[in-house]
Amino acid sequence: MFNWTMTSMNPVEPRKVDEEQLYQAQPMVRALIIERYESLYRLVTLHVARAEEEGRPPDPRWAEIGVRVLKELTALYRLGVPPRTDDAEDDPLHGVDPAAIVLAQLDELEAKARA
């Protein structure tokens, strides 16, 4: 977390954020962004519900905002990335040198080609 106080800052010296501070703040900032996106999505659902109550079609701009919010949340939660497997034993190449496999396959192909 950033440790800045208004009394300890030198007014002449500009504030600086180094890479370590950025790295440490990532979980907090990610949570803040998610919270703000969820607030935006609540606005979208509110406007759609009001339009339905009044018997009019919802404004398509709110639908577009909702779609963009959902896309951003999907990216933040990494839903488009396949889940990681912590079991190295499930990996068929675990403990095997991939180069050795390729060389063995090449040797096998050469032997077949000679025969």
PDB file of N, CA and C in Angstrom:
ATOM      1  N   MET A   1       0.855  -1.168   0.000  1.00  0.00           N
ATOM      2  CA  MET A   1       0.000   0.000   0.000  1.00  0.00           C
ATOM      3  C   MET A   1       0.903   1.233   0.000  1.00  0.00           C
ATOM      4  N   PHE A   2       0.382   2.309  -0.530  1.00  0.00           N
ATOM      5  CA  PHE A   2       1.152   3.531  -0.575  1.00  0.00           C
ATOM      6  C   PHE A   2       1.146   4.180   0.803  1.00  0.00           C
ATOM      7  N   ASN A   3       2.272   4.656   1.230  1.00  0.00           N
ATOM      8  CA  ASN A   3       2.390   5.278   2.551  1.00  0.00           C
ATOM      9  C   ASN A   3       2.657   6.770   2.397  1.00  0.00           C
ATOM     10  N   TRP A   4       1.657   7.480   1.918  1.00  0.00           N
ATOM     11  CA  TRP A   4       1.811   8.911   1.756  1.00  0.00           C
ATOM     12  C   TRP A   4       0.927   9.625   2.761  1.00  0.00           C
ATOM     13  N   THR A   5       1.463  10.657   3.346  1.00  0.00           N
ATOM     14  CA  THR A   5       0.636  11.525   4.188  1.00  0.00           C
ATOM     15  C   THR A   5       0.869  12.940   3.719  1.00  0.00           C
ATOM     16  N   MET A   6      -0.121  13.747   3.853  1.00  0.00           N
ATOM     17  CA  MET A   6      -0.010  15.125   3.381  1.00  0.00           C
ATOM     18  C   MET A   6       1.032  15.903   4.184  1.00  0.00           C
ATOM     19  N   THR A   7       1.216  15.565   5.452  1.00  0.00           N
ATOM     20  CA  THR A   7       2.154  16.329   6.267  1.00  0.00           C
ATOM     21  C   THR A   7       3.592  15.931   5.996  1.00  0.00           C
ATOM     22  N   SER A   8       3.808  14.678   5.565  1.00  0.00           N
ATOM     23  CA  SER A   8       5.184  14.238   5.362  1.00  0.00           C
ATOM     24  C   SER A   8       5.681  14.482   3.945  1.00  0.00           C
ATOM     25  N   MET A   9       4.797  14.899   3.057  1.00  0.00           N
ATOM     26  CA  MET A   9       5.214  15.111   1.671  1.00  0.00           C
ATOM     27  C   MET A   9       5.851  16.478   1.512  1.00  0.00           C
ATOM     28  N   ASN A  10       6.915  16.505   0.771  1.00  0.00           N
ATOM     29  CA  ASN A  10       7.553  17.759   0.437  1.00  0.00           C
ATOM     30  C   ASN A  10       6.774  18.368  -0.728  1.00  0.00           C
ATOM     31  N   PRO A  11       6.222  19.565  -0.592  1.00  0.00           N
ATOM     32  CA  PRO A  11       5.391  20.123  -1.655  1.00  0.00           C
ATOM     33  C   PRO A  11       6.151  20.371  -2.958  1.00  0.00           C
ATOM     34  N   VAL A  12       7.463  20.491  -2.880  1.00  0.00           N
ATOM     35  CA  VAL A  12       8.253  20.761  -4.078  1.00  0.00           C
ATOM     36  C   VAL A  12       8.579  19.458  -4.802  1.00  0.00           C
ATOM     37  N   GLU A  13       8.807  18.411  -4.042  1.00  0.00           N
ATOM     38  CA  GLU A  13       9.192  17.126  -4.623  1.00  0.00           C
ATOM     39  C   GLU A  13       7.951  16.392  -5.119  1.00  0.00           C
ATOM     40  N   PRO A  14       7.957  15.948  -6.391  1.00  0.00           N
ATOM     41  CA  PRO A  14       6.785  15.243  -6.909  1.00  0.00           C
ATOM     42  C   PRO A  14       6.658  13.855  -6.293  1.00  0.00           C
ATOM     43  N   ARG A  15       5.421  13.370  -6.234  1.00  0.00           N
ATOM     44  CA  ARG A  15       5.183  12.019  -5.716  1.00  0.00           C
ATOM     45  C   ARG A  15       5.704  11.006  -6.722  1.00  0.00           C
ATOM     46  N   LYS A  16       6.186   9.892  -6.193  1.00  0.00           N
ATOM     47  CA  LYS A  16       6.702   8.841  -7.055  1.00  0.00           C
ATOM     48  C   LYS A  16       6.129   7.509  -6.596  1.00  0.00           C
ATOM     49  N   VAL A  17       5.842   6.662  -7.575  1.00  0.00           N
ATOM     50  CA  VAL A  17       5.370   5.318  -7.301  1.00  0.00           C
ATOM     51  C   VAL A  17       6.321   4.386  -8.020  1.00  0.00           C
ATOM     52  N   ASP A  18       6.993   3.557  -7.256  1.00  0.00           N
ATOM     53  CA  ASP A  18       7.940   2.644  -7.898  1.00  0.00           C
ATOM     54  C   ASP A  18       7.251   1.334  -8.267  1.00  0.00           C
ATOM     55  N   GLU A  19       7.962   0.487  -8.985  1.00  0.00           N
ATOM     56  CA  GLU A  19       7.395  -0.772  -9.473  1.00  0.00           C
ATOM     57  C   GLU A  19       6.929  -1.675  -8.329  1.00  0.00           C
ATOM     58  N   GLU A  20       7.671  -1.710  -7.248  1.00  0.00           N
ATOM     59  CA  GLU A  20       7.286  -2.556  -6.112  1.00  0.00           C
ATOM     60  C   GLU A  20       5.962  -2.087  -5.518  1.00  0.00           C
ATOM     61  N   GLN A  21       5.778  -0.782  -5.408  1.00  0.00           N
ATOM     62  CA  GLN A  21       4.511  -0.257  -4.884  1.00  0.00           C
ATOM     63  C   GLN A  21       3.356  -0.593  -5.830  1.00  0.00           C
ATOM     64  N   LEU A  22       3.611  -0.508  -7.136  1.00  0.00           N
ATOM     65  CA  LEU A  22       2.575  -0.884  -8.102  1.00  0.00           C
ATOM     66  C   LEU A  22       2.206  -2.351  -7.942  1.00  0.00           C
ATOM     67  N   TYR A  23       3.202  -3.194  -7.822  1.00  0.00           N
ATOM     68  CA  TYR A  23       2.960  -4.632  -7.681  1.00  0.00           C
ATOM     69  C   TYR A  23       2.175  -4.928  -6.409  1.00  0.00           C
ATOM     70  N   GLN A  24       2.538  -4.279  -5.316  1.00  0.00           N
ATOM     71  CA  GLN A  24       1.862  -4.521  -4.042  1.00  0.00           C
ATOM     72  C   GLN A  24       0.419  -4.015  -4.055  1.00  0.00           C
ATOM     73  N   ALA A  25       0.156  -2.974  -4.831  1.00  0.00           N
ATOM     74  CA  ALA A  25      -1.182  -2.378  -4.859  1.00  0.00           C
ATOM     75  C   ALA A  25      -2.124  -3.084  -5.822  1.00  0.00           C
ATOM     76  N   GLN A  26      -1.638  -3.990  -6.654  1.00  0.00           N
ATOM     77  CA  GLN A  26      -2.478  -4.623  -7.668  1.00  0.00           C
ATOM     78  C   GLN A  26      -3.739  -5.278  -7.098  1.00  0.00           C
ATOM     79  N   PRO A  27      -3.669  -6.085  -6.053  1.00  0.00           N
ATOM     80  CA  PRO A  27      -4.906  -6.696  -5.546  1.00  0.00           C
ATOM     81  C   PRO A  27      -5.935  -5.663  -5.080  1.00  0.00           C
ATOM     82  N   MET A  28      -5.473  -4.611  -4.413  1.00  0.00           N
ATOM     83  CA  MET A  28      -6.377  -3.581  -3.922  1.00  0.00           C
ATOM     84  C   MET A  28      -7.012  -2.831  -5.093  1.00  0.00           C
ATOM     85  N   VAL A  29      -6.211  -2.482  -6.075  1.00  0.00           N
ATOM     86  CA  VAL A  29      -6.733  -1.732  -7.217  1.00  0.00           C
ATOM     87  C   VAL A  29      -7.673  -2.612  -8.039  1.00  0.00           C
ATOM     88  N   ARG A  30      -7.331  -3.879  -8.205  1.00  0.00           N
ATOM     89  CA  ARG A  30      -8.208  -4.798  -8.937  1.00  0.00           C
ATOM     90  C   ARG A  30      -9.571  -4.892  -8.237  1.00  0.00           C
ATOM     91  N   ALA A  31      -9.570  -5.010  -6.925  1.00  0.00           N
ATOM     92  CA  ALA A  31     -10.826  -5.077  -6.168  1.00  0.00           C
ATOM     93  C   ALA A  31     -11.619  -3.782  -6.303  1.00  0.00           C
ATOM     94  N   LEU A  32     -10.933  -2.661  -6.284  1.00  0.00           N
ATOM     95  CA  LEU A  32     -11.601  -1.366  -6.437  1.00  0.00           C
ATOM     96  C   LEU A  32     -12.231  -1.239  -7.818  1.00  0.00           C
ATOM     97  N   ILE A  33     -11.513  -1.672  -8.846  1.00  0.00           N
ATOM     98  CA  ILE A  33     -12.049  -1.606 -10.211  1.00  0.00           C
ATOM     99  C   ILE A  33     -13.261  -2.511 -10.348  1.00  0.00           C
ATOM    100  N   ILE A  34     -13.174  -3.710  -9.791  1.00  0.00           N
ATOM    101  CA  ILE A  34     -14.310  -4.632  -9.850  1.00  0.00           C
ATOM    102  C   ILE A  34     -15.519  -4.025  -9.150  1.00  0.00           C
ATOM    103  N   GLU A  35     -15.300  -3.417  -7.999  1.00  0.00           N
ATOM    104  CA  GLU A  35     -16.392  -2.776  -7.256  1.00  0.00           C
ATOM    105  C   GLU A  35     -17.036  -1.671  -8.087  1.00  0.00           C
ATOM    106  N   ARG A  36     -16.210  -0.892  -8.770  1.00  0.00           N
ATOM    107  CA  ARG A  36     -16.753   0.206  -9.580  1.00  0.00           C
ATOM    108  C   ARG A  36     -17.493  -0.312 -10.806  1.00  0.00           C
ATOM    109  N   TYR A  37     -16.977  -1.363 -11.438  1.00  0.00           N
ATOM    110  CA  TYR A  37     -17.692  -1.962 -12.571  1.00  0.00           C
ATOM    111  C   TYR A  37     -19.034  -2.522 -12.117  1.00  0.00           C
ATOM    112  N   GLU A  38     -19.066  -3.140 -10.940  1.00  0.00           N
ATOM    113  CA  GLU A  38     -20.331  -3.676 -10.435  1.00  0.00           C
ATOM    114  C   GLU A  38     -21.324  -2.554 -10.160  1.00  0.00           C
ATOM    115  N   SER A  39     -20.831  -1.412  -9.697  1.00  0.00           N
ATOM    116  CA  SER A  39     -21.710  -0.251  -9.498  1.00  0.00           C
ATOM    117  C   SER A  39     -22.301   0.219 -10.827  1.00  0.00           C
ATOM    118  N   LEU A  40     -21.468   0.244 -11.861  1.00  0.00           N
ATOM    119  CA  LEU A  40     -21.961   0.623 -13.184  1.00  0.00           C
ATOM    120  C   LEU A  40     -23.011  -0.365 -13.675  1.00  0.00           C
ATOM    121  N   TYR A  41     -22.790  -1.643 -13.441  1.00  0.00           N
ATOM    122  CA  TYR A  41     -23.744  -2.644 -13.905  1.00  0.00           C
ATOM    123  C   TYR A  41     -25.066  -2.520 -13.146  1.00  0.00           C
ATOM    124  N   ARG A  42     -24.999  -2.152 -11.870  1.00  0.00           N
ATOM    125  CA  ARG A  42     -26.238  -1.915 -11.118  1.00  0.00           C
ATOM    126  C   ARG A  42     -27.030  -0.765 -11.746  1.00  0.00           C
ATOM    127  N   LEU A  43     -26.327   0.278 -12.220  1.00  0.00           N
ATOM    128  CA  LEU A  43     -27.002   1.379 -12.912  1.00  0.00           C
ATOM    129  C   LEU A  43     -27.684   0.885 -14.182  1.00  0.00           C
ATOM    130  N   VAL A  44     -27.001   0.011 -14.903  1.00  0.00           N
ATOM    131  CA  VAL A  44     -27.571  -0.543 -16.128  1.00  0.00           C
ATOM    132  C   VAL A  44     -28.864  -1.281 -15.803  1.00  0.00           C
ATOM    133  N   THR A  45     -28.812  -2.174 -14.808  1.00  0.00           N
ATOM    134  CA  THR A  45     -30.013  -2.948 -14.467  1.00  0.00           C
ATOM    135  C   THR A  45     -31.136  -2.027 -13.965  1.00  0.00           C
ATOM    136  N   LEU A  46     -30.780  -0.976 -13.248  1.00  0.00           N
ATOM    137  CA  LEU A  46     -31.773  -0.014 -12.766  1.00  0.00           C
ATOM    138  C   LEU A  46     -32.477   0.672 -13.934  1.00  0.00           C
ATOM    139  N   HIS A  47     -31.710   1.141 -14.915  1.00  0.00           N
ATOM    140  CA  HIS A  47     -32.305   1.829 -16.065  1.00  0.00           C
ATOM    141  C   HIS A  47     -33.157   0.882 -16.910  1.00  0.00           C
ATOM    142  N   VAL A  48     -32.718  -0.358 -17.062  1.00  0.00           N
ATOM    143  CA  VAL A  48     -33.507  -1.333 -17.815  1.00  0.00           C
ATOM    144  C   VAL A  48     -34.808  -1.631 -17.073  1.00  0.00           C
ATOM    145  N   ALA A  49     -34.730  -1.807 -15.758  1.00  0.00           N
ATOM    146  CA  ALA A  49     -35.940  -2.093 -14.967  1.00  0.00           C
ATOM    147  C   ALA A  49     -36.916  -0.922 -15.025  1.00  0.00           C
ATOM    148  N   ARG A  50     -36.408   0.295 -14.932  1.00  0.00           N
ATOM    149  CA  ARG A  50     -37.297   1.473 -15.006  1.00  0.00           C
ATOM    150  C   ARG A  50     -37.985   1.558 -16.361  1.00  0.00           C
ATOM    151  N   ALA A  51     -37.240   1.264 -17.402  1.00  0.00           N
ATOM    152  CA  ALA A  51     -37.833   1.303 -18.743  1.00  0.00           C
ATOM    153  C   ALA A  51     -38.945   0.261 -18.854  1.00  0.00           C
ATOM    154  N   GLU A  52     -38.720  -0.926 -18.318  1.00  0.00           N
ATOM    155  CA  GLU A  52     -39.739  -1.974 -18.362  1.00  0.00           C
ATOM    156  C   GLU A  52     -40.966  -1.578 -17.547  1.00  0.00           C
ATOM    157  N   GLU A  53     -40.737  -0.958 -16.381  1.00  0.00           N
ATOM    158  CA  GLU A  53     -41.860  -0.517 -15.543  1.00  0.00           C
ATOM    159  C   GLU A  53     -42.701   0.532 -16.257  1.00  0.00           C
ATOM    160  N   GLU A  54     -42.043   1.393 -17.028  1.00  0.00           N
ATOM    161  CA  GLU A  54     -42.751   2.463 -17.732  1.00  0.00           C
ATOM    162  C   GLU A  54     -43.296   1.994 -19.074  1.00  0.00           C
ATOM    163  N   GLY A  55     -43.064   0.734 -19.429  1.00  0.00           N
ATOM    164  CA  GLY A  55     -43.603   0.183 -20.663  1.00  0.00           C
ATOM    165  C   GLY A  55     -42.915   0.670 -21.924  1.00  0.00           C
ATOM    166  N   ARG A  56     -41.684   1.079 -21.815  1.00  0.00           N
ATOM    167  CA  ARG A  56     -40.934   1.534 -22.995  1.00  0.00           C
ATOM    168  C   ARG A  56     -39.697   0.650 -23.163  1.00  0.00           C
ATOM    169  N   PRO A  57     -39.170   0.597 -24.360  1.00  0.00           N
ATOM    170  CA  PRO A  57     -37.966  -0.218 -24.552  1.00  0.00           C
ATOM    171  C   PRO A  57     -36.770   0.442 -23.863  1.00  0.00           C
ATOM    172  N   PRO A  58     -35.857  -0.361 -23.337  1.00  0.00           N
ATOM    173  CA  PRO A  58     -34.677   0.215 -22.695  1.00  0.00           C
ATOM    174  C   PRO A  58     -33.785   0.924 -23.721  1.00  0.00           C
ATOM    175  N   ASP A  59     -33.094   1.920 -23.277  1.00  0.00           N
ATOM    176  CA  ASP A  59     -32.164   2.656 -24.128  1.00  0.00           C
ATOM    177  C   ASP A  59     -31.011   1.726 -24.510  1.00  0.00           C
ATOM    178  N   PRO A  60     -30.756   1.528 -25.791  1.00  0.00           N
ATOM    179  CA  PRO A  60     -29.693   0.604 -26.207  1.00  0.00           C
ATOM    180  C   PRO A  60     -28.301   1.033 -25.742  1.00  0.00           C
ATOM    181  N   ARG A  61     -28.145   2.305 -25.429  1.00  0.00           N
ATOM    182  CA  ARG A  61     -26.833   2.751 -24.924  1.00  0.00           C
ATOM    183  C   ARG A  61     -26.528   2.108 -23.579  1.00  0.00           C
ATOM    184  N   TRP A  62     -27.569   1.929 -22.751  1.00  0.00           N
ATOM    185  CA  TRP A  62     -27.353   1.269 -21.462  1.00  0.00           C
ATOM    186  C   TRP A  62     -27.014  -0.203 -21.664  1.00  0.00           C
ATOM    187  N   ALA A  63     -27.633  -0.818 -22.668  1.00  0.00           N
ATOM    188  CA  ALA A  63     -27.300  -2.216 -22.963  1.00  0.00           C
ATOM    189  C   ALA A  63     -25.837  -2.328 -23.392  1.00  0.00           C
ATOM    190  N   GLU A  64     -25.391  -1.373 -24.203  1.00  0.00           N
ATOM    191  CA  GLU A  64     -23.985  -1.383 -24.654  1.00  0.00           C
ATOM    192  C   GLU A  64     -23.037  -1.185 -23.473  1.00  0.00           C
ATOM    193  N   ILE A  65     -23.402  -0.303 -22.565  1.00  0.00           N
ATOM    194  CA  ILE A  65     -22.578  -0.112 -21.361  1.00  0.00           C
ATOM    195  C   ILE A  65     -22.523  -1.417 -20.571  1.00  0.00           C
ATOM    196  N   GLY A  66     -23.673  -2.080 -20.440  1.00  0.00           N
ATOM    197  CA  GLY A  66     -23.712  -3.353 -19.714  1.00  0.00           C
ATOM    198  C   GLY A  66     -22.819  -4.404 -20.348  1.00  0.00           C
ATOM    199  N   VAL A  67     -22.840  -4.485 -21.668  1.00  0.00           N
ATOM    200  CA  VAL A  67     -21.997  -5.456 -22.372  1.00  0.00           C
ATOM    201  C   VAL A  67     -20.523  -5.146 -22.137  1.00  0.00           C
ATOM    202  N   ARG A  68     -20.166  -3.875 -22.226  1.00  0.00           N
ATOM    203  CA  ARG A  68     -18.757  -3.506 -22.009  1.00  0.00           C
ATOM    204  C   ARG A  68     -18.312  -3.795 -20.578  1.00  0.00           C
ATOM    205  N   VAL A  69     -19.188  -3.538 -19.618  1.00  0.00           N
ATOM    206  CA  VAL A  69     -18.857  -3.834 -18.223  1.00  0.00           C
ATOM    207  C   VAL A  69     -18.643  -5.332 -18.042  1.00  0.00           C
ATOM    208  N   LEU A  70     -19.522  -6.141 -18.628  1.00  0.00           N
ATOM    209  CA  LEU A  70     -19.379  -7.588 -18.510  1.00  0.00           C
ATOM    210  C   LEU A  70     -18.088  -8.076 -19.158  1.00  0.00           C
ATOM    211  N   LYS A  71     -17.721  -7.494 -20.289  1.00  0.00           N
ATOM    212  CA  LYS A  71     -16.461  -7.873 -20.946  1.00  0.00           C
ATOM    213  C   LYS A  71     -15.264  -7.535 -20.059  1.00  0.00           C
ATOM    214  N   GLU A  72     -15.303  -6.360 -19.459  1.00  0.00           N
ATOM    215  CA  GLU A  72     -14.193  -5.955 -18.591  1.00  0.00           C
ATOM    216  C   GLU A  72     -14.110  -6.842 -17.351  1.00  0.00           C
ATOM    217  N   LEU A  73     -15.256  -7.160 -16.767  1.00  0.00           N
ATOM    218  CA  LEU A  73     -15.253  -8.053 -15.601  1.00  0.00           C
ATOM    219  C   LEU A  73     -14.748  -9.439 -15.981  1.00  0.00           C
ATOM    220  N   THR A  74     -15.140  -9.900 -17.158  1.00  0.00           N
ATOM    221  CA  THR A  74     -14.662 -11.194 -17.642  1.00  0.00           C
ATOM    222  C   THR A  74     -13.142 -11.187 -17.751  1.00  0.00           C
ATOM    223  N   ALA A  75     -12.598 -10.102 -18.255  1.00  0.00           N
ATOM    224  CA  ALA A  75     -11.139 -10.000 -18.377  1.00  0.00           C
ATOM    225  C   ALA A  75     -10.468  -9.922 -17.005  1.00  0.00           C
ATOM    226  N   LEU A  76     -11.049  -9.138 -16.099  1.00  0.00           N
ATOM    227  CA  LEU A  76     -10.449  -9.010 -14.766  1.00  0.00           C
ATOM    228  C   LEU A  76     -10.454 -10.336 -14.008  1.00  0.00           C
ATOM    229  N   TYR A  77     -11.516 -11.105 -14.171  1.00  0.00           N
ATOM    230  CA  TYR A  77     -11.601 -12.398 -13.499  1.00  0.00           C
ATOM    231  C   TYR A  77     -10.925 -13.507 -14.300  1.00  0.00           C
ATOM    232  N   ARG A  78     -10.381 -13.121 -15.466  1.00  0.00           N
ATOM    233  CA  ARG A  78      -9.649 -14.057 -16.335  1.00  0.00           C
ATOM    234  C   ARG A  78     -10.494 -15.269 -16.719  1.00  0.00           C
ATOM    235  N   LEU A  79     -11.747 -15.019 -17.060  1.00  0.00           N
ATOM    236  CA  LEU A  79     -12.647 -16.110 -17.415  1.00  0.00           C
ATOM    237  C   LEU A  79     -12.357 -16.675 -18.800  1.00  0.00           C
ATOM    238  N   GLY A  80     -11.630 -15.936 -19.621  1.00  0.00           N
ATOM    239  CA  GLY A  80     -11.276 -16.416 -20.945  1.00  0.00           C
ATOM    240  C   GLY A  80     -10.028 -17.275 -20.966  1.00  0.00           C
ATOM    241  N   VAL A  81      -9.373 -17.393 -19.824  1.00  0.00           N
ATOM    242  CA  VAL A  81      -8.137 -18.171 -19.725  1.00  0.00           C
ATOM    243  C   VAL A  81      -8.478 -19.549 -19.177  1.00  0.00           C
ATOM    244  N   PRO A  82      -7.952 -20.608 -19.794  1.00  0.00           N
ATOM    245  CA  PRO A  82      -8.229 -21.936 -19.240  1.00  0.00           C
ATOM    246  C   PRO A  82      -7.715 -22.048 -17.808  1.00  0.00           C
ATOM    247  N   PRO A  83      -8.429 -22.778 -16.968  1.00  0.00           N
ATOM    248  CA  PRO A  83      -7.990 -22.897 -15.571  1.00  0.00           C
ATOM    249  C   PRO A  83      -6.651 -23.620 -15.468  1.00  0.00           C
ATOM    250  N   ARG A  84      -5.872 -23.171 -14.499  1.00  0.00           N
ATOM    251  CA  ARG A  84      -4.571 -23.804 -14.257  1.00  0.00           C
ATOM    252  C   ARG A  84      -4.775 -25.113 -13.524  1.00  0.00           C
ATOM    253  N   THR A  85      -3.961 -26.084 -13.854  1.00  0.00           N
ATOM    254  CA  THR A  85      -3.983 -27.332 -13.096  1.00  0.00           C
ATOM    255  C   THR A  85      -2.748 -27.342 -12.218  1.00  0.00           C
ATOM    256  N   ASP A  86      -2.969 -27.556 -10.947  1.00  0.00           N
ATOM    257  CA  ASP A  86      -1.853 -27.588 -10.017  1.00  0.00           C
ATOM    258  C   ASP A  86      -1.198 -28.954  -9.976  1.00  0.00           C
ATOM    259  N   ASP A  87      -1.893 -29.951 -10.522  1.00  0.00           N
ATOM    260  CA  ASP A  87      -1.327 -31.290 -10.537  1.00  0.00           C
ATOM    261  C   ASP A  87      -0.363 -31.433 -11.703  1.00  0.00           C
ATOM    262  N   ALA A  88       0.915 -31.500 -11.408  1.00  0.00           N
ATOM    263  CA  ALA A  88       1.907 -31.691 -12.457  1.00  0.00           C
ATOM    264  C   ALA A  88       1.816 -33.101 -13.026  1.00  0.00           C
ATOM    265  N   GLU A  89       1.233 -34.017 -12.269  1.00  0.00           N
ATOM    266  CA  GLU A  89       1.111 -35.389 -12.730  1.00  0.00           C
ATOM    267  C   GLU A  89       0.118 -35.508 -13.879  1.00  0.00           C
ATOM    268  N   ASP A  90      -0.820 -34.575 -13.984  1.00  0.00           N
ATOM    269  CA  ASP A  90      -1.766 -34.588 -15.092  1.00  0.00           C
ATOM    270  C   ASP A  90      -1.107 -34.205 -16.407  1.00  0.00           C
ATOM    271  N   ASP A  91       0.037 -33.547 -16.327  1.00  0.00           N
ATOM    272  CA  ASP A  91       0.760 -33.115 -17.509  1.00  0.00           C
ATOM    273  C   ASP A  91       1.466 -34.319 -18.139  1.00  0.00           C
ATOM    274  N   PRO A  92       1.137 -34.662 -19.393  1.00  0.00           N
ATOM    275  CA  PRO A  92       1.775 -35.833 -20.002  1.00  0.00           C
ATOM    276  C   PRO A  92       3.277 -35.672 -20.209  1.00  0.00           C
ATOM    277  N   LEU A  93       3.760 -34.445 -20.222  1.00  0.00           N
ATOM    278  CA  LEU A  93       5.195 -34.210 -20.412  1.00  0.00           C
ATOM    279  C   LEU A  93       5.925 -33.956 -19.101  1.00  0.00           C
ATOM    280  N   HIS A  94       5.229 -34.161 -17.976  1.00  0.00           N
ATOM    281  CA  HIS A  94       5.859 -33.922 -16.679  1.00  0.00           C
ATOM    282  C   HIS A  94       7.048 -34.856 -16.489  1.00  0.00           C
ATOM    283  N   GLY A  95       8.197 -34.273 -16.243  1.00  0.00           N
ATOM    284  CA  GLY A  95       9.407 -35.060 -15.997  1.00  0.00           C
ATOM    285  C   GLY A  95      10.047 -35.612 -17.257  1.00  0.00           C
ATOM    286  N   VAL A  96       9.548 -35.220 -18.417  1.00  0.00           N
ATOM    287  CA  VAL A  96      10.086 -35.712 -19.685  1.00  0.00           C
ATOM    288  C   VAL A  96      10.651 -34.531 -20.458  1.00  0.00           C
ATOM    289  N   ASP A  97      11.802 -34.746 -21.068  1.00  0.00           N
ATOM    290  CA  ASP A  97      12.430 -33.698 -21.872  1.00  0.00           C
ATOM    291  C   ASP A  97      11.745 -33.669 -23.242  1.00  0.00           C
ATOM    292  N   PRO A  98      11.047 -32.578 -23.587  1.00  0.00           N
ATOM    293  CA  PRO A  98      10.349 -32.517 -24.877  1.00  0.00           C
ATOM    294  C   PRO A  98      11.306 -32.676 -26.059  1.00  0.00           C
ATOM    295  N   ALA A  99      12.522 -32.165 -25.924  1.00  0.00           N
ATOM    296  CA  ALA A  99      13.492 -32.294 -27.012  1.00  0.00           C
ATOM    297  C   ALA A  99      13.831 -33.763 -27.242  1.00  0.00           C
ATOM    298  N   ALA A 100      13.929 -34.533 -26.175  1.00  0.00           N
ATOM    299  CA  ALA A 100      14.241 -35.955 -26.304  1.00  0.00           C
ATOM    300  C   ALA A 100      13.105 -36.685 -27.022  1.00  0.00           C
ATOM    301  N   ILE A 101      11.867 -36.286 -26.759  1.00  0.00           N
ATOM    302  CA  ILE A 101      10.719 -36.898 -27.427  1.00  0.00           C
ATOM    303  C   ILE A 101      10.772 -36.611 -28.926  1.00  0.00           C
ATOM    304  N   VAL A 102      11.055 -35.365 -29.275  1.00  0.00           N
ATOM    305  CA  VAL A 102      11.129 -34.983 -30.685  1.00  0.00           C
ATOM    306  C   VAL A 102      12.245 -35.737 -31.385  1.00  0.00           C
ATOM    307  N   LEU A 103      13.415 -35.825 -30.733  1.00  0.00           N
ATOM    308  CA  LEU A 103      14.535 -36.552 -31.340  1.00  0.00           C
ATOM    309  C   LEU A 103      14.193 -38.024 -31.530  1.00  0.00           C
ATOM    310  N   ALA A 104      13.518 -38.629 -30.579  1.00  0.00           N
ATOM    311  CA  ALA A 104      13.129 -40.034 -30.697  1.00  0.00           C
ATOM    312  C   ALA A 104      12.145 -40.225 -31.846  1.00  0.00           C
ATOM    313  N   GLN A 105      11.226 -39.289 -31.992  1.00  0.00           N
ATOM    314  CA  GLN A 105      10.270 -39.369 -33.094  1.00  0.00           C
ATOM    315  C   GLN A 105      10.960 -39.202 -34.441  1.00  0.00           C
ATOM    316  N   LEU A 106      11.953 -38.298 -34.501  1.00  0.00           N
ATOM    317  CA  LEU A 106      12.708 -38.118 -35.739  1.00  0.00           C
ATOM    318  C   LEU A 106      13.492 -39.384 -36.086  1.00  0.00           C
ATOM    319  N   ASP A 107      14.109 -39.991 -35.084  1.00  0.00           N
ATOM    320  CA  ASP A 107      14.842 -41.244 -35.322  1.00  0.00           C
ATOM    321  C   ASP A 107      13.904 -42.322 -35.843  1.00  0.00           C
ATOM    322  N   GLU A 108      12.718 -42.374 -35.263  1.00  0.00           N
ATOM    323  CA  GLU A 108      11.726 -43.370 -35.682  1.00  0.00           C
ATOM    324  C   GLU A 108      11.301 -43.131 -37.133  1.00  0.00           C
ATOM    325  N   LEU A 109      11.081 -41.864 -37.502  1.00  0.00           N
ATOM    326  CA  LEU A 109      10.704 -41.538 -38.867  1.00  0.00           C
ATOM    327  C   LEU A 109      11.829 -41.864 -39.850  1.00  0.00           C
ATOM    328  N   GLU A 110      13.060 -41.588 -39.458  1.00  0.00           N
ATOM    329  CA  GLU A 110      14.203 -41.929 -40.317  1.00  0.00           C
ATOM    330  C   GLU A 110      14.304 -43.418 -40.532  1.00  0.00           C
ATOM    331  N   ALA A 111      14.082 -44.190 -39.490  1.00  0.00           N
ATOM    332  CA  ALA A 111      14.144 -45.652 -39.615  1.00  0.00           C
ATOM    333  C   ALA A 111      13.049 -46.143 -40.536  1.00  0.00           C
ATOM    334  N   LYS A 112      11.874 -45.586 -40.457  1.00  0.00           N
ATOM    335  CA  LYS A 112      10.772 -45.985 -41.337  1.00  0.00           C
ATOM    336  C   LYS A 112      11.066 -45.602 -42.774  1.00  0.00           C
ATOM    337  N   ALA A 113      11.686 -44.446 -42.968  1.00  0.00           N
ATOM    338  CA  ALA A 113      11.994 -43.978 -44.320  1.00  0.00           C
ATOM    339  C   ALA A 113      13.064 -44.866 -44.973  1.00  0.00           C
ATOM    340  N   ARG A 114      14.002 -45.391 -44.188  1.00  0.00           N
ATOM    341  CA  ARG A 114      15.065 -46.266 -44.729  1.00  0.00           C
ATOM    342  C   ARG A 114      14.530 -47.638 -45.065  1.00  0.00           C
ATOM    343  N   ALA A 115      13.518 -48.087 -44.366  1.00  0.00           N
ATOM    344  CA  ALA A 115      12.997 -49.447 -44.552  1.00  0.00           C
ATOM    345  C   ALA A 115      12.146 -49.599 -45.775  1.00  0.00           C
TER     346      ALA A 115
END
